[in-house]
Structure formats: structure tokens, C-alpha cells
């Protein structure tokens, strides 16, 4: 999912251009940066490594990928746009909705494609709406809906936090470090 607009192809750690001043473009660029980092952290892991928890909290790398895809969908499609989703919490264990879960037939490739669809939807929302617009009251927020800016920055901090967790997990798995 590496995106060429994030900087030179040779620089895997590229942030959005320092000359950007449009907050929507910055959000889009930084979300791309974190999604690209997510892909790099997952690359080369075996199916066993993807499905094995190494931290006491118990989540696995493939569960994190699925969580981020559903999280982004929840906030922008269900939350901001107010669209009805069959299962906005499809990343959760049906028996314990507090836990992330993946099916035995979930694959990284399929989940990355799903995340790519969510990323495209997010970029459309951020490109077509003003950041000071308030979320619909027909979806996630029946009362006291936040602004698109708040949602965007919430999602950005989720990526920063979780990709940072995955960085530590990858180091524990095979000593690989880096952005």
C-alpha cells in the first residue's frame, strides 16, 4: 500500500512534504505514512508469527491489522458519514467484544485490501468535507457528534499508537527495528 505521494520512492520513512499547510492534506499524508509503516512491519512475517501474541495484552499482528481497518471504517464511514454498517465492530470477538479477533481464513493480503478500501474512503471524506464539519447524528454519534478534524486526529493517534506497538512486537519476533 506504499503511496508515492508520501515522498521519494527510495525513502521508506518519508513523511508528507514539509511545505504542506493544508490540514486535510497533512492528515491524508500522515495516515498514508502510518499505513505504509504498518505494511513494512507486517512484511516477511510467517503465518505463525502473524497469529502469535508476543505481548501480555494478547493481540496478534494480524488482529492489529484487522482492528486498524475496522477502526478507520468505524470513525469515517459510520461515525462521520453516518452510514449504516452491518457490523462496525467486525474486528471484535463475538464472544468478548472487548477482544480483537480474526477468522482462521483471514489473510494479510485480504485484510490489507480491505484496509486499502477504507483508506480510499477516508481520503474521499477528508478531501470532500471541511474539517470543521460535524459528524452525522445517524451513525456512531446520535448525540454530541465531533468534528471531522477531531475524528481525523483521533484516527491518526490510533495509528501512531498501534504502529508503535507493532514496532515493539516486530523487534521481539525477529529483532527487526526501524520506522
C-alpha atoms as a PDB file:
ATOM      1  CA  UNK A   1       0.000   0.000   0.000  1.00  0.00           C
ATOM      2  CA  UNK A   2       3.050   2.282  -0.200  1.00  0.00           C
ATOM      3  CA  UNK A   3       1.980   5.600  -1.573  1.00  0.00           C
ATOM      4  CA  UNK A   4       4.274   7.635  -3.858  1.00  0.00           C
ATOM      5  CA  UNK A   5       2.789  10.957  -2.714  1.00  0.00           C
ATOM      6  CA  UNK A   6       4.435  10.472   0.678  1.00  0.00           C
ATOM      7  CA  UNK A   7       7.867  11.230  -0.704  1.00  0.00           C
ATOM      8  CA  UNK A   8      10.691   9.766  -2.738  1.00  0.00           C
ATOM      9  CA  UNK A   9      10.224   6.086  -3.570  1.00  0.00           C
ATOM     10  CA  UNK A  10      13.672   5.323  -2.120  1.00  0.00           C
ATOM     11  CA  UNK A  11      12.785   6.717   1.316  1.00  0.00           C
ATOM     12  CA  UNK A  12      10.597   4.224   3.220  1.00  0.00           C
ATOM     13  CA  UNK A  13      10.297   6.636   6.165  1.00  0.00           C
ATOM     14  CA  UNK A  14       9.015   9.617   4.173  1.00  0.00           C
ATOM     15  CA  UNK A  15       6.584  11.962   5.861  1.00  0.00           C
ATOM     16  CA  UNK A  16       4.347  14.361   3.946  1.00  0.00           C
ATOM     17  CA  UNK A  17       6.172  17.318   2.425  1.00  0.00           C
ATOM     18  CA  UNK A  18       7.195  19.939   4.984  1.00  0.00           C
ATOM     19  CA  UNK A  19       5.726  22.621   2.730  1.00  0.00           C
ATOM     20  CA  UNK A  20       2.178  21.275   3.163  1.00  0.00           C
ATOM     21  CA  UNK A  21      -0.017  23.662   5.099  1.00  0.00           C
ATOM     22  CA  UNK A  22      -3.472  22.276   4.330  1.00  0.00           C
ATOM     23  CA  UNK A  23      -4.575  20.297   7.418  1.00  0.00           C
ATOM     24  CA  UNK A  24      -6.641  17.825   5.362  1.00  0.00           C
ATOM     25  CA  UNK A  25      -3.678  17.083   3.094  1.00  0.00           C
ATOM     26  CA  UNK A  26      -1.463  16.661   6.162  1.00  0.00           C
ATOM     27  CA  UNK A  27      -3.913  14.199   7.729  1.00  0.00           C
ATOM     28  CA  UNK A  28      -4.098  12.236   4.481  1.00  0.00           C
ATOM     29  CA  UNK A  29      -0.304  12.223   4.201  1.00  0.00           C
ATOM     30  CA  UNK A  30       0.353  11.157   7.769  1.00  0.00           C
ATOM     31  CA  UNK A  31      -2.296   8.435   7.628  1.00  0.00           C
ATOM     32  CA  UNK A  32      -0.568   7.138   4.471  1.00  0.00           C
ATOM     33  CA  UNK A  33       2.778   7.247   6.282  1.00  0.00           C
ATOM     34  CA  UNK A  34       1.452   5.123   9.147  1.00  0.00           C
ATOM     35  CA  UNK A  35      -0.320   2.674   6.822  1.00  0.00           C
ATOM     36  CA  UNK A  36       2.938   2.267   4.881  1.00  0.00           C
ATOM     37  CA  UNK A  37       4.807   1.658   8.166  1.00  0.00           C
ATOM     38  CA  UNK A  38       2.173  -0.937   9.104  1.00  0.00           C
ATOM     39  CA  UNK A  39       2.781  -2.760   5.818  1.00  0.00           C
ATOM     40  CA  UNK A  40       6.557  -2.705   6.361  1.00  0.00           C
ATOM     41  CA  UNK A  41       6.183  -4.117   9.887  1.00  0.00           C
ATOM     42  CA  UNK A  42       3.985  -6.983   8.655  1.00  0.00           C
ATOM     43  CA  UNK A  43       6.132  -7.819   5.613  1.00  0.00           C
ATOM     44  CA  UNK A  44       8.050 -11.058   5.885  1.00  0.00           C
ATOM     45  CA  UNK A  45       6.236 -12.446   8.925  1.00  0.00           C
ATOM     46  CA  UNK A  46       5.141 -16.070   8.663  1.00  0.00           C
ATOM     47  CA  UNK A  47       1.509 -17.021   9.213  1.00  0.00           C
ATOM     48  CA  UNK A  48       2.508 -18.407  12.605  1.00  0.00           C
ATOM     49  CA  UNK A  49       4.220 -15.126  13.566  1.00  0.00           C
ATOM     50  CA  UNK A  50       1.208 -13.131  12.348  1.00  0.00           C
ATOM     51  CA  UNK A  51      -1.106 -15.203  14.553  1.00  0.00           C
ATOM     52  CA  UNK A  52       1.029 -15.411  17.697  1.00  0.00           C
ATOM     53  CA  UNK A  53       0.781 -12.871  20.518  1.00  0.00           C
ATOM     54  CA  UNK A  54       4.100 -11.751  21.991  1.00  0.00           C
ATOM     55  CA  UNK A  55       2.875  -9.050  24.380  1.00  0.00           C
ATOM     56  CA  UNK A  56       0.946  -9.676  27.614  1.00  0.00           C
ATOM     57  CA  UNK A  57      -2.109  -7.881  26.197  1.00  0.00           C
ATOM     58  CA  UNK A  58      -2.560 -10.888  23.914  1.00  0.00           C
ATOM     59  CA  UNK A  59      -3.188  -9.365  20.473  1.00  0.00           C
ATOM     60  CA  UNK A  60      -1.506 -10.675  17.326  1.00  0.00           C
ATOM     61  CA  UNK A  61      -0.117  -8.709  14.358  1.00  0.00           C
ATOM     62  CA  UNK A  62      -2.912  -9.882  12.046  1.00  0.00           C
ATOM     63  CA  UNK A  63      -5.517  -8.882  14.663  1.00  0.00           C
ATOM     64  CA  UNK A  64      -3.951  -5.423  14.793  1.00  0.00           C
ATOM     65  CA  UNK A  65      -4.193  -5.093  11.007  1.00  0.00           C
ATOM     66  CA  UNK A  66      -7.873  -6.063  11.085  1.00  0.00           C
ATOM     67  CA  UNK A  67      -8.522  -3.720  14.002  1.00  0.00           C
ATOM     68  CA  UNK A  68      -6.987  -0.740  12.185  1.00  0.00           C
ATOM     69  CA  UNK A  69      -9.079  -1.391   9.061  1.00  0.00           C
ATOM     70  CA  UNK A  70     -12.321  -1.628  11.036  1.00  0.00           C
ATOM     71  CA  UNK A  71     -11.347   1.261  13.309  1.00  0.00           C
ATOM     72  CA  UNK A  72     -10.835   3.560  10.321  1.00  0.00           C
ATOM     73  CA  UNK A  73     -14.148   2.428   8.818  1.00  0.00           C
ATOM     74  CA  UNK A  74     -15.981   2.993  12.123  1.00  0.00           C
ATOM     75  CA  UNK A  75     -14.745   6.547  12.522  1.00  0.00           C
ATOM     76  CA  UNK A  76     -15.089   7.879   8.965  1.00  0.00           C
ATOM     77  CA  UNK A  77     -17.882   5.855   7.328  1.00  0.00           C
ATOM     78  CA  UNK A  78     -20.133   5.045  10.282  1.00  0.00           C
ATOM     79  CA  UNK A  79     -19.032   7.881  12.545  1.00  0.00           C
ATOM     80  CA  UNK A  80     -18.622  10.900  10.291  1.00  0.00           C
ATOM     81  CA  UNK A  81     -20.810   9.992   7.308  1.00  0.00           C
ATOM     82  CA  UNK A  82     -23.414   8.220   9.460  1.00  0.00           C
ATOM     83  CA  UNK A  83     -23.734   5.296   7.060  1.00  0.00           C
ATOM     84  CA  UNK A  84     -25.260   2.111   8.375  1.00  0.00           C
ATOM     85  CA  UNK A  85     -22.714  -0.702   8.585  1.00  0.00           C
ATOM     86  CA  UNK A  86     -23.651  -4.349   9.035  1.00  0.00           C
ATOM     87  CA  UNK A  87     -21.007  -4.896  11.704  1.00  0.00           C
ATOM     88  CA  UNK A  88     -18.910  -1.838  12.544  1.00  0.00           C
ATOM     89  CA  UNK A  89     -17.083  -3.928  15.140  1.00  0.00           C
ATOM     90  CA  UNK A  90     -16.168  -6.793  12.795  1.00  0.00           C
ATOM     91  CA  UNK A  91     -12.674  -6.812  14.286  1.00  0.00           C
ATOM     92  CA  UNK A  92     -14.008  -7.979  17.652  1.00  0.00           C
ATOM     93  CA  UNK A  93     -14.526 -11.434  19.113  1.00  0.00           C
ATOM     94  CA  UNK A  94     -18.289 -12.155  19.091  1.00  0.00           C
ATOM     95  CA  UNK A  95     -17.973 -13.855  22.497  1.00  0.00           C
ATOM     96  CA  UNK A  96     -15.993 -10.975  24.034  1.00  0.00           C
ATOM     97  CA  UNK A  97     -16.441  -7.692  22.164  1.00  0.00           C
ATOM     98  CA  UNK A  98     -13.508  -6.176  24.075  1.00  0.00           C
ATOM     99  CA  UNK A  99     -11.050  -8.526  22.304  1.00  0.00           C
ATOM    100  CA  UNK A 100      -9.815  -8.326  18.725  1.00  0.00           C
ATOM    101  CA  UNK A 101     -10.247 -11.472  16.657  1.00  0.00           C
ATOM    102  CA  UNK A 102      -9.534 -12.885  13.213  1.00  0.00           C
ATOM    103  CA  UNK A 103     -11.042 -15.888  11.486  1.00  0.00           C
ATOM    104  CA  UNK A 104      -8.841 -18.823  10.550  1.00  0.00           C
ATOM    105  CA  UNK A 105      -9.284 -17.918   6.872  1.00  0.00           C
ATOM    106  CA  UNK A 106      -8.462 -14.199   7.285  1.00  0.00           C
ATOM    107  CA  UNK A 107      -5.283 -13.395   5.367  1.00  0.00           C
ATOM    108  CA  UNK A 108      -2.939 -10.442   5.478  1.00  0.00           C
ATOM    109  CA  UNK A 109      -3.484  -9.854   1.750  1.00  0.00           C
ATOM    110  CA  UNK A 110      -7.282  -9.744   2.127  1.00  0.00           C
ATOM    111  CA  UNK A 111      -7.102  -7.525   5.209  1.00  0.00           C
ATOM    112  CA  UNK A 112      -4.612  -5.183   3.507  1.00  0.00           C
ATOM    113  CA  UNK A 113      -7.008  -4.922   0.552  1.00  0.00           C
ATOM    114  CA  UNK A 114      -9.866  -4.162   2.963  1.00  0.00           C
ATOM    115  CA  UNK A 115      -7.706  -1.529   4.676  1.00  0.00           C
ATOM    116  CA  UNK A 116      -6.926  -0.075   1.242  1.00  0.00           C
ATOM    117  CA  UNK A 117     -10.671   0.312   0.613  1.00  0.00           C
ATOM    118  CA  UNK A 118     -11.083   2.044   3.973  1.00  0.00           C
ATOM    119  CA  UNK A 119      -8.102   4.298   3.233  1.00  0.00           C
ATOM    120  CA  UNK A 120      -9.668   5.351  -0.074  1.00  0.00           C
ATOM    121  CA  UNK A 121     -12.967   6.119   1.691  1.00  0.00           C
ATOM    122  CA  UNK A 122     -11.107   8.129   4.349  1.00  0.00           C
ATOM    123  CA  UNK A 123      -9.242  10.144   1.733  1.00  0.00           C
ATOM    124  CA  UNK A 124     -12.513  10.905  -0.072  1.00  0.00           C
ATOM    125  CA  UNK A 125     -14.075  12.127   3.175  1.00  0.00           C
ATOM    126  CA  UNK A 126     -11.056  14.275   4.051  1.00  0.00           C
ATOM    127  CA  UNK A 127     -10.903  15.686   0.503  1.00  0.00           C
ATOM    128  CA  UNK A 128     -14.622  16.374   0.081  1.00  0.00           C
ATOM    129  CA  UNK A 129     -15.514  17.756   3.518  1.00  0.00           C
ATOM    130  CA  UNK A 130     -14.289  20.641   5.641  1.00  0.00           C
ATOM    131  CA  UNK A 131     -12.539  19.725   8.879  1.00  0.00           C
ATOM    132  CA  UNK A 132     -14.936  21.909  10.866  1.00  0.00           C
ATOM    133  CA  UNK A 133     -17.950  19.885   9.677  1.00  0.00           C
ATOM    134  CA  UNK A 134     -19.716  17.943  12.407  1.00  0.00           C
ATOM    135  CA  UNK A 135     -20.346  14.202  12.106  1.00  0.00           C
ATOM    136  CA  UNK A 136     -23.782  12.885  11.218  1.00  0.00           C
ATOM    137  CA  UNK A 137     -26.092  12.011  14.095  1.00  0.00           C
ATOM    138  CA  UNK A 138     -27.406   8.914  12.299  1.00  0.00           C
ATOM    139  CA  UNK A 139     -24.400   6.673  12.905  1.00  0.00           C
ATOM    140  CA  UNK A 140     -21.987   6.279  15.748  1.00  0.00           C
ATOM    141  CA  UNK A 141     -22.851   9.620  17.343  1.00  0.00           C
ATOM    142  CA  UNK A 142     -26.582  10.043  17.980  1.00  0.00           C
ATOM    143  CA  UNK A 143     -25.750  12.955  20.293  1.00  0.00           C
ATOM    144  CA  UNK A 144     -22.798  15.328  20.636  1.00  0.00           C
ATOM    145  CA  UNK A 145     -21.061  14.448  17.348  1.00  0.00           C
ATOM    146  CA  UNK A 146     -17.413  15.506  16.943  1.00  0.00           C
ATOM    147  CA  UNK A 147     -15.938  17.473  14.058  1.00  0.00           C
ATOM    148  CA  UNK A 148     -14.156  15.834  11.152  1.00  0.00           C
ATOM    149  CA  UNK A 149     -10.913  17.376  12.456  1.00  0.00           C
ATOM    150  CA  UNK A 150     -11.374  15.643  15.814  1.00  0.00           C
ATOM    151  CA  UNK A 151     -12.152  12.323  14.111  1.00  0.00           C
ATOM    152  CA  UNK A 152      -9.142  12.670  11.811  1.00  0.00           C
ATOM    153  CA  UNK A 153      -6.748  13.359  14.638  1.00  0.00           C
ATOM    154  CA  UNK A 154      -8.266  10.579  16.751  1.00  0.00           C
ATOM    155  CA  UNK A 155      -7.664   8.083  13.932  1.00  0.00           C
ATOM    156  CA  UNK A 156      -4.134   9.430  13.418  1.00  0.00           C
ATOM    157  CA  UNK A 157      -3.284   8.904  17.100  1.00  0.00           C
ATOM    158  CA  UNK A 158      -4.729   5.367  16.912  1.00  0.00           C
ATOM    159  CA  UNK A 159      -2.371   4.598  14.037  1.00  0.00           C
ATOM    160  CA  UNK A 160       0.619   6.189  15.780  1.00  0.00           C
ATOM    161  CA  UNK A 161      -0.016   4.238  18.970  1.00  0.00           C
ATOM    162  CA  UNK A 162      -0.740   0.883  17.357  1.00  0.00           C
ATOM    163  CA  UNK A 163       2.035   1.025  14.753  1.00  0.00           C
ATOM    164  CA  UNK A 164       4.389   1.869  17.629  1.00  0.00           C
ATOM    165  CA  UNK A 165       3.139  -1.234  19.444  1.00  0.00           C
ATOM    166  CA  UNK A 166       3.734  -3.272  16.297  1.00  0.00           C
ATOM    167  CA  UNK A 167       7.269  -1.870  16.103  1.00  0.00           C
ATOM    168  CA  UNK A 168       7.984  -3.365  19.540  1.00  0.00           C
ATOM    169  CA  UNK A 169       6.296  -6.643  18.583  1.00  0.00           C
ATOM    170  CA  UNK A 170       8.383  -6.940  15.419  1.00  0.00           C
ATOM    171  CA  UNK A 171      11.567  -6.348  17.406  1.00  0.00           C
ATOM    172  CA  UNK A 172      10.566  -9.098  19.845  1.00  0.00           C
ATOM    173  CA  UNK A 173       9.785 -11.507  16.995  1.00  0.00           C
ATOM    174  CA  UNK A 174      12.943 -11.148  14.917  1.00  0.00           C
ATOM    175  CA  UNK A 175      14.962  -8.178  16.244  1.00  0.00           C
ATOM    176  CA  UNK A 176      13.976  -6.070  13.220  1.00  0.00           C
ATOM    177  CA  UNK A 177      13.815  -2.376  14.082  1.00  0.00           C
ATOM    178  CA  UNK A 178      13.105   0.812  12.183  1.00  0.00           C
ATOM    179  CA  UNK A 179      10.282   3.049  11.139  1.00  0.00           C
END
